[in-house]
Structures are given as structure tokens and as C-alpha cells.
Amino acid sequence: MPLELVTVPCLKDNYAFLAHDAATGATAVVDVPEAAPILNALAERDWKASHILITHHHDDHIAGLKALAAATGARVIGAAADAHRLPKLNEALREGDTIRIGMDEGKVIDVSGHTVGHVAYHFPASGLVFTGDSLMALGCGRVFEGTMPQMWESLTKLAVLPPDTLVCSGHEYTQSNARFALTVEPDNAALQARAAAVAAARAEGRPTVPSRLSEELATNPFLRAGRPEVKRAMAMEAASDAAVFAAIRSAKDRF
């Protein structure tokens, strides 16, 4: 049975996630912007947090971690490369390591770029990947600590996951990301339709996260940097995929 997913809005525009295994009662919390909404979501379902998975060290992903860990006794899990700037970890993992939530097993993917040491957690049997601020809905994180080629490599790791995978990313940035994406591919019909659907969802106060990887592959300019039509749009037909990605990311930084 796949993990049951709950999206928990936090702070102004962050998301945390609950991933619950009904067979065993195990529940993972992915990222902790603040503790109170997560504790409320757990209490509403009579679930107990057993694991806390951290994608990266930025404060808006870990600010509530100590309070949540103290309240639940959950095991805290994060990247070994980030351990020196995370709250104390019970398990420090590296790319390729596995983590079990009840009956389901996830794999750690190094997605450095936004930060060095950023990880994603892929649960293939449940069709879920928790990407933090690496791959986002219609976007990707700003490259703060890593390099542009490093970020492109990280995105390509995520792009080859099964297309029906749900991408559970860390922020409600989709509407602004859509506005930028349309400057890159204004004639992309799938993108036009998605931008309209996102605008309608936000007008009704509905979240646009998680998103389906197949939808990202069809509309997210950062995943599409290697596509001939995107290279033409950027007037970079002869450039490498990584160079086109860097140009798109730099344009977004100025947008």
C-alpha cells in the first residue's frame, strides 16, 4: 500500500509533508518550517510522527524541527554533508542510501545546487519524491551555494524518475514561476493551460503543490533546457544543455 500524503501549509508560502504508512502507523514529516501546523495535522488524523526528513539547512525548512522532535520523539534524518549546520541528526545519509518508512523504502538523491548538501527523497513504490528547493512546481531553486552545472545535473537526476511521480516541493511559488516560464515558451500550449489552471487554483486558495513530474517535463523551463525548441527560444541552438539552463536560471534571477 502506498504512503498516504498530506500537504501542510506553513509560514507564508512554505510546505511541509506528512507521509503515512497505514499498515504500521509510521509517519514521516518532510521539512519543518514551523511545528504548530504539523502537530495540528498529525493530531487531526491521530498520527504520530516517527521520522523527520530534512532536505536542506535553510531556516524556513528547519526552524520548527527542534520543537517537533521534542514533541514527538521522531528520529531526525538528513544529509551527512549538511550535518554540521542542521540540528542534531539521528541518521546522516548520503546519495544512494535508503530510508524505510513503515513498509515503504525511499532512496536519497543528492540534488546539490540551491545548497551544497541538499538532498531529495524518492519513494518509488508510492510514486513520491520530496525535492525541497531543488525541483519545484514550474521552477527550481535559486543557485546559492552550488554551481549552475551542478544544479542542472541535479535536475537531470530527477527528470528521469517515472513520469507519474508526484513532486513534493517546498514552496507555493507556482504562479510567479508560470509568469516567468511564459516568457521562455509563450507558445507552449501545455504551459498556457497550466498557467491558467494555476491562476484558478490560487484564486480559490488551493495549493498547486505537489505536481506531477510529467507535467513538469512538459512545462517547466528548467527541466526543458535541453529541448530544441527551448534552445531556439533562447537563441542558443549550439549551446550545451547546462549552458542553456544557466541562461534560463540567470534570467529568472533578474525577472
Protein backbone atom coordinates (compact mmCIF):
# COMPACT_ATOMS: atom_id res chain seq x y z
CA MET A 1 0.00 0.00 0.00
CA PRO A 2 1.49 3.40 -0.96
CA LEU A 3 2.23 6.06 1.61
CA GLU A 4 -0.65 8.45 2.28
CA LEU A 5 0.44 12.02 1.53
CA VAL A 6 -0.71 15.18 3.30
CA THR A 7 0.47 18.65 2.28
CA VAL A 8 0.78 21.05 5.22
CA PRO A 9 0.96 24.81 4.52
CA CYS A 10 3.44 26.60 6.80
CA LEU A 11 4.67 30.17 7.25
CA LYS A 12 3.75 32.45 4.33
CA ASP A 13 4.41 30.16 1.38
CA ASN A 14 6.20 27.02 2.61
CA TYR A 15 5.01 23.43 2.60
CA ALA A 16 5.78 20.51 4.85
CA PHE A 17 4.57 16.99 4.06
CA LEU A 18 3.32 14.01 6.01
CA ALA A 19 3.89 10.55 4.52
CA HIS A 20 1.93 7.91 6.45
CA ASP A 21 2.12 4.13 6.26
CA ALA A 22 -1.31 2.79 7.27
CA ALA A 23 -0.03 -0.75 7.80
CA THR A 24 2.42 0.17 10.55
CA GLY A 25 1.38 3.66 11.64
CA ALA A 26 4.80 5.08 10.76
CA THR A 27 4.63 8.72 9.66
CA ALA A 28 7.42 10.79 8.17
CA VAL A 29 7.42 14.58 8.28
CA VAL A 30 9.40 16.14 5.44
CA ASP A 31 10.86 19.55 6.36
CA VAL A 32 9.69 21.59 9.34
CA PRO A 33 9.23 25.31 8.61
CA GLU A 34 7.25 25.57 11.85
CA ALA A 35 5.98 22.97 14.29
CA ALA A 36 2.42 24.03 15.11
CA PRO A 37 0.67 23.36 11.76
CA ILE A 38 2.41 19.99 11.51
CA LEU A 39 1.43 18.98 15.05
CA ASN A 40 -2.15 20.03 14.28
CA ALA A 41 -2.20 17.97 11.06
CA LEU A 42 -0.87 14.94 12.92
CA ALA A 43 -3.40 15.34 15.75
CA GLU A 44 -6.33 15.71 13.33
CA ARG A 45 -5.50 12.27 11.92
CA ASP A 46 -4.37 10.66 15.17
CA TRP A 47 -0.96 10.02 13.61
CA LYS A 48 2.37 10.03 15.44
CA ALA A 49 5.49 11.29 13.71
CA SER A 50 8.15 8.59 13.63
CA HIS A 51 10.67 10.25 11.28
CA ILE A 52 11.62 13.78 10.29
CA LEU A 53 13.33 14.04 6.90
CA ILE A 54 15.20 17.24 6.15
CA THR A 55 16.07 18.31 2.60
CA HIS A 56 18.48 21.16 3.40
CA HIS A 57 19.61 23.54 6.08
CA HIS A 58 17.77 26.78 5.24
CA ASP A 59 15.88 28.14 8.22
CA ASP A 60 12.49 28.07 6.51
CA HIS A 61 12.86 24.28 6.26
CA ILE A 62 14.18 23.53 9.76
CA ALA A 63 13.00 26.34 12.09
CA GLY A 64 10.41 24.14 13.79
CA LEU A 65 12.50 20.98 13.89
CA LYS A 66 13.65 21.06 17.50
CA ALA A 67 10.14 21.74 18.76
CA LEU A 68 8.64 18.98 16.61
CA ALA A 69 11.31 16.46 17.59
CA ALA A 70 10.82 17.30 21.27
CA ALA A 71 7.04 16.93 20.99
CA THR A 72 7.08 13.65 19.05
CA GLY A 73 10.37 11.88 19.72
CA ALA A 74 10.72 11.32 15.97
CA ARG A 75 14.07 10.31 14.51
CA VAL A 76 15.74 13.19 12.67
CA ILE A 77 17.28 12.30 9.31
CA GLY A 78 19.26 14.49 6.93
CA ALA A 79 22.28 14.67 4.68
CA ALA A 80 25.69 13.82 6.07
CA ALA A 81 27.09 16.71 4.00
CA ASP A 82 24.74 19.11 5.81
CA ALA A 83 25.04 17.63 9.30
CA HIS A 84 27.31 20.40 10.56
CA ARG A 85 24.58 23.01 10.03
CA LEU A 86 21.45 21.01 10.82
CA PRO A 87 20.02 20.25 14.24
CA LYS A 88 21.42 17.02 15.66
CA LEU A 89 20.69 14.07 13.36
CA ASN A 90 19.87 10.53 14.40
CA GLU A 91 20.80 9.37 10.89
CA ALA A 92 23.11 11.11 8.42
CA LEU A 93 22.62 9.82 4.89
CA ARG A 94 24.39 10.06 1.53
CA GLU A 95 23.27 9.62 -2.05
CA GLY A 96 22.13 6.06 -2.66
CA ASP A 97 21.36 5.36 0.99
CA THR A 98 17.88 4.10 1.81
CA ILE A 99 15.33 5.08 4.43
CA ARG A 100 12.35 2.94 5.42
CA ILE A 101 9.01 4.47 6.44
CA GLY A 102 6.89 1.58 7.63
CA MET A 103 6.65 -0.84 4.72
CA ASP A 104 7.97 1.59 2.11
CA GLU A 105 11.59 2.28 1.23
CA GLY A 106 12.96 5.54 -0.09
CA LYS A 107 16.27 6.42 -1.66
CA VAL A 108 18.38 9.51 -1.07
CA ILE A 109 19.33 11.61 -4.11
CA ASP A 110 22.00 14.31 -3.91
CA VAL A 111 20.45 17.39 -5.55
CA SER A 112 23.06 19.99 -4.63
CA GLY A 113 22.91 23.38 -6.31
CA HIS A 114 20.46 25.50 -4.35
CA THR A 115 22.66 24.50 -1.43
CA VAL A 116 25.59 22.08 -1.25
CA GLY A 117 24.32 19.02 0.59
CA HIS A 118 20.69 19.40 -0.47
CA VAL A 119 19.01 16.01 -0.82
CA ALA A 120 15.74 14.65 -2.20
CA TYR A 121 13.93 11.53 -1.00
CA HIS A 122 12.37 9.25 -3.63
CA PHE A 123 9.81 6.61 -2.64
CA PRO A 124 9.26 4.71 -5.89
CA ALA A 125 6.57 2.32 -4.65
CA SER A 126 4.47 5.28 -3.51
CA GLY A 127 5.31 7.43 -6.55
CA LEU A 128 6.60 10.31 -4.42
CA VAL A 129 9.73 12.45 -4.47
CA PHE A 130 10.36 15.13 -1.85
CA THR A 131 12.54 17.74 -3.54
CA GLY A 132 12.66 20.71 -1.14
CA ASP A 133 14.01 23.69 -3.09
CA SER A 134 15.67 21.76 -5.94
CA LEU A 135 12.97 20.89 -8.49
CA MET A 136 9.88 23.00 -7.79
CA ALA A 137 6.49 23.39 -9.43
CA LEU A 138 7.26 25.19 -12.73
CA GLY A 139 10.63 26.20 -11.31
CA CYS A 140 13.78 25.34 -9.43
CA GLY A 141 15.61 26.87 -6.51
CA ARG A 142 17.98 29.77 -6.94
CA VAL A 143 21.59 28.57 -7.11
CA PHE A 144 23.03 29.95 -3.88
CA GLU A 145 25.91 27.65 -2.93
CA GLY A 146 26.49 25.26 -5.81
CA THR A 147 27.20 25.88 -9.47
CA MET A 148 24.88 26.08 -12.46
CA PRO A 149 26.25 22.81 -13.96
CA GLN A 150 25.78 21.14 -10.58
CA MET A 151 22.16 22.28 -10.39
CA TRP A 152 21.49 21.09 -13.94
CA GLU A 153 22.98 17.68 -13.07
CA SER A 154 20.71 17.51 -10.02
CA LEU A 155 17.62 18.32 -12.09
CA THR A 156 18.54 15.69 -14.67
CA LYS A 157 18.60 13.07 -11.90
CA LEU A 158 15.03 13.99 -11.02
CA ALA A 159 13.88 14.26 -14.64
CA VAL A 160 14.46 10.54 -15.25
CA LEU A 161 12.18 9.37 -12.44
CA PRO A 162 8.89 7.79 -13.56
CA PRO A 163 6.71 10.48 -15.18
CA ASP A 164 3.75 9.80 -12.86
CA THR A 165 5.87 10.63 -9.78
CA LEU A 166 4.39 13.33 -7.56
CA VAL A 167 6.94 16.11 -6.98
CA CYS A 168 6.54 17.38 -3.42
CA SER A 169 8.42 20.68 -3.35
CA GLY A 170 8.81 23.23 -0.64
CA HIS A 171 7.05 26.44 -1.70
CA GLU A 172 3.94 27.93 -3.26
CA TYR A 173 5.80 29.82 -5.99
CA THR A 174 3.97 28.28 -8.93
CA GLN A 175 2.01 31.30 -10.14
CA SER A 176 5.06 33.56 -10.33
CA ASN A 177 7.04 30.71 -11.86
CA ALA A 178 4.36 30.38 -14.53
CA ARG A 179 4.65 34.04 -15.44
CA PHE A 180 8.37 33.61 -15.99
CA ALA A 181 8.01 30.31 -17.85
CA LEU A 182 5.71 32.00 -20.37
CA THR A 183 8.49 34.46 -21.22
CA VAL A 184 10.64 31.48 -22.27
CA GLU A 185 7.97 29.47 -24.10
CA PRO A 186 4.98 31.74 -24.80
CA ASP A 187 3.64 29.36 -27.47
CA ASN A 188 3.78 26.19 -25.33
CA ALA A 189 0.11 25.14 -25.23
CA ALA A 190 0.59 22.85 -22.24
CA LEU A 191 2.23 25.70 -20.34
CA GLN A 192 -0.55 28.11 -21.26
CA ALA A 193 -3.15 25.66 -19.97
CA ARG A 194 -1.19 25.01 -16.79
CA ALA A 195 -0.72 28.71 -16.09
CA ALA A 196 -4.49 29.21 -16.37
CA ALA A 197 -5.17 26.26 -14.07
CA VAL A 198 -2.64 27.54 -11.53
CA ALA A 199 -4.21 31.00 -11.55
CA ALA A 200 -7.65 29.49 -10.97
CA ALA A 201 -6.38 27.31 -8.12
CA ARG A 202 -4.70 30.21 -6.37
CA ALA A 203 -7.78 32.43 -6.79
CA GLU A 204 -9.67 29.75 -4.84
CA GLY A 205 -6.91 29.38 -2.25
CA ARG A 206 -5.98 25.88 -3.38
CA PRO A 207 -2.35 24.67 -3.32
CA THR A 208 -0.57 23.89 -6.58
CA VAL A 209 1.91 21.56 -4.88
CA PRO A 210 2.55 18.65 -5.27
CA SER A 211 2.76 18.45 -9.05
CA ARG A 212 3.18 15.53 -11.44
CA LEU A 213 6.66 15.05 -12.97
CA SER A 214 5.10 14.53 -16.40
CA GLU A 215 3.58 17.99 -16.11
CA GLU A 216 6.95 19.47 -15.13
CA LEU A 217 8.63 17.82 -18.11
CA ALA A 218 6.04 19.38 -20.42
CA THR A 219 6.03 22.90 -18.93
CA ASN A 220 8.93 23.63 -16.56
CA PRO A 221 11.60 25.62 -18.45
CA PHE A 222 14.36 24.49 -16.11
CA LEU A 223 13.77 20.83 -16.96
CA ARG A 224 13.38 21.69 -20.66
CA ALA A 225 16.72 23.42 -21.20
CA GLY A 226 17.86 20.59 -23.45
CA ARG A 227 14.82 20.75 -25.73
CA PRO A 228 15.48 22.09 -29.25
CA GLU A 229 12.50 24.46 -29.08
CA VAL A 230 13.78 25.97 -25.83
CA LYS A 231 17.29 26.36 -27.22
CA ARG A 232 15.80 28.17 -30.21
CA ALA A 233 13.73 30.40 -27.93
CA MET A 234 16.88 31.31 -26.04
CA ALA A 235 18.87 31.80 -29.30
CA MET A 236 21.30 29.15 -28.01
CA GLU A 237 20.83 26.34 -30.53
CA ALA A 238 24.50 25.29 -30.41
CA ALA A 239 24.95 25.62 -26.65
CA SER A 240 25.15 22.77 -24.16
CA ASP A 241 22.08 21.87 -22.15
CA ALA A 242 23.81 23.07 -18.97
CA ALA A 243 24.62 26.44 -20.56
CA VAL A 244 21.01 26.92 -21.62
CA PHE A 245 19.85 26.03 -18.12
CA ALA A 246 22.28 28.59 -16.68
CA ALA A 247 20.92 31.27 -19.02
CA ILE A 248 17.33 30.48 -18.04
CA ARG A 249 18.17 30.46 -14.33
CA SER A 250 20.03 33.77 -14.63
CA ALA A 251 17.04 35.27 -16.48
CA LYS A 252 14.74 34.10 -13.69
CA ASP A 253 17.04 35.70 -11.12
CA ARG A 254 16.50 39.04 -12.89
CA PHE A 255 12.77 38.53 -13.53
